[in-house]
Protein backbone atom coordinates (compact mmCIF):
# COMPACT_ATOMS: atom_id res chain seq x y z
CA MET A 1 29.15 -9.38 27.43
CA LYS A 2 26.46 -8.06 25.11
CA THR A 3 24.13 -5.36 26.42
CA ALA A 4 20.42 -6.03 25.85
CA PRO A 5 18.35 -3.39 24.05
CA THR A 6 16.52 -1.00 26.30
CA ARG A 7 12.88 0.01 26.39
CA CYS A 8 12.14 3.52 25.15
CA GLY A 9 10.69 4.62 28.49
CA GLU A 10 14.01 3.84 30.22
CA CYS A 11 16.03 6.02 27.86
CA CYS A 12 17.10 9.60 28.52
CA PHE A 13 16.24 10.43 24.88
CA PHE A 14 12.53 9.48 25.26
CA LYS A 15 10.72 12.84 25.29
CA HIS A 16 7.26 14.37 25.59
CA GLU A 17 5.44 11.35 27.00
CA CYS A 18 1.65 11.69 27.08
CA ALA A 19 -0.70 10.07 29.60
CA ASP A 20 -0.99 6.99 27.34
CA GLY A 21 2.79 6.43 27.31
CA PHE A 22 3.47 7.73 23.81
CA GLY A 23 6.30 10.14 23.09
CA HIS A 24 9.16 10.38 20.65
CA CYS A 25 12.81 9.46 20.43
CA ASP A 26 14.97 12.58 20.51
CA ILE A 27 17.62 10.75 18.45
CA THR A 28 15.51 9.35 15.59
CA ASN A 29 12.62 11.84 15.93
CA TYR A 30 10.21 8.92 15.48
CA PRO A 31 7.13 8.45 17.66
CA CYS A 32 7.35 5.58 20.12
CA HIS A 33 5.70 4.09 23.18
CA PHE A 34 7.48 3.82 26.54
CA GLY A 35 7.29 0.00 26.29
CA ASP A 36 8.83 -0.26 22.80
CA ILE A 37 12.25 -1.86 22.39
CA CYS A 38 14.94 0.57 21.19
CA ASN A 39 15.37 0.30 17.43
CA LEU A 40 18.66 2.17 17.04
CA ASN A 41 20.92 0.51 14.49
CA TYR A 42 24.57 1.49 14.29
CA LYS A 43 24.67 0.79 10.54
CA SER A 44 22.04 3.39 9.71
CA MET A 45 22.79 6.19 12.18
CA THR A 46 23.63 9.64 10.87
CA ASN A 47 26.69 11.59 11.97
CA SER A 48 24.50 14.04 13.90
CA GLN A 49 22.73 11.21 15.76
CA VAL A 50 26.06 9.69 16.79
CA ALA A 51 27.43 13.08 17.83
CA LYS A 52 24.31 13.87 19.88
CA ILE A 53 24.55 10.61 21.86
CA LEU A 54 28.30 10.85 22.41
CA HIS A 55 28.07 14.51 23.41
CA TYR A 56 25.33 13.71 25.95
CA ALA A 57 27.40 10.83 27.36
CA GLN A 58 30.44 13.06 27.69
CA LYS A 59 28.43 15.73 29.55
CA TRP A 60 27.09 13.08 31.95
CA ARG A 61 30.57 11.59 32.42
CA ARG A 62 31.97 15.00 33.34
CA GLY A 63 29.41 15.52 36.08
CA ALA A 64 26.39 17.25 34.54
CA LYS A 65 23.24 16.69 36.56
CA ILE A 66 21.48 14.73 33.81
CA LYS A 67 20.10 11.21 33.60
CA MET A 68 22.71 8.53 32.87
CA ILE A 69 22.71 7.29 29.30
CA ASN A 70 21.64 3.69 28.82
CA PRO A 71 24.63 1.41 28.11
CA PHE A 72 22.88 -0.08 25.05
CA VAL A 73 22.33 3.35 23.45
CA TYR A 74 25.89 4.41 24.30
CA GLY A 75 27.26 1.17 22.83
CA VAL A 76 25.31 1.59 19.60
CA ALA A 77 26.71 5.12 19.21
CA ILE A 78 30.26 3.90 19.78
CA ASP A 79 29.77 1.09 17.25
CA ALA A 80 28.43 3.59 14.71
CA ALA A 81 31.35 5.98 15.29
CA MET A 82 33.88 3.16 14.87
CA LEU A 83 32.19 2.02 11.64
CA LYS A 84 32.28 5.56 10.25
CA LEU A 85 35.95 6.00 11.19
CA ARG A 86 36.87 2.67 9.60
CA ARG A 87 35.14 3.71 6.37
CA ILE A 88 37.10 6.97 6.32
CA LYS A 89 40.34 5.07 6.96
CA ASP A 90 39.58 2.61 4.14
CA GLU A 91 38.85 5.47 1.74
CA ASN A 92 42.18 7.12 2.59
CA ASP A 93 44.29 3.95 2.31
């Protein structure tokens, strides 16, 4: 079952929202509006972006009192990590 993209305002990485609903994504550091559709793409994510999402998810999973990560964002990070690991494997084979 495919997870639908989330809206920025529903994401735990949407930060510094103003009264008009604008803020920024703490992963991409791009400005966005709370109603925008998430534009994360696993093919273009950096290692630090992937690590930040996975680290956050691991903290939440282990009981930290933080907002649950959206399944779409978590899935994109896992897809990006798998792609990066496959590329490393192919380079070493």
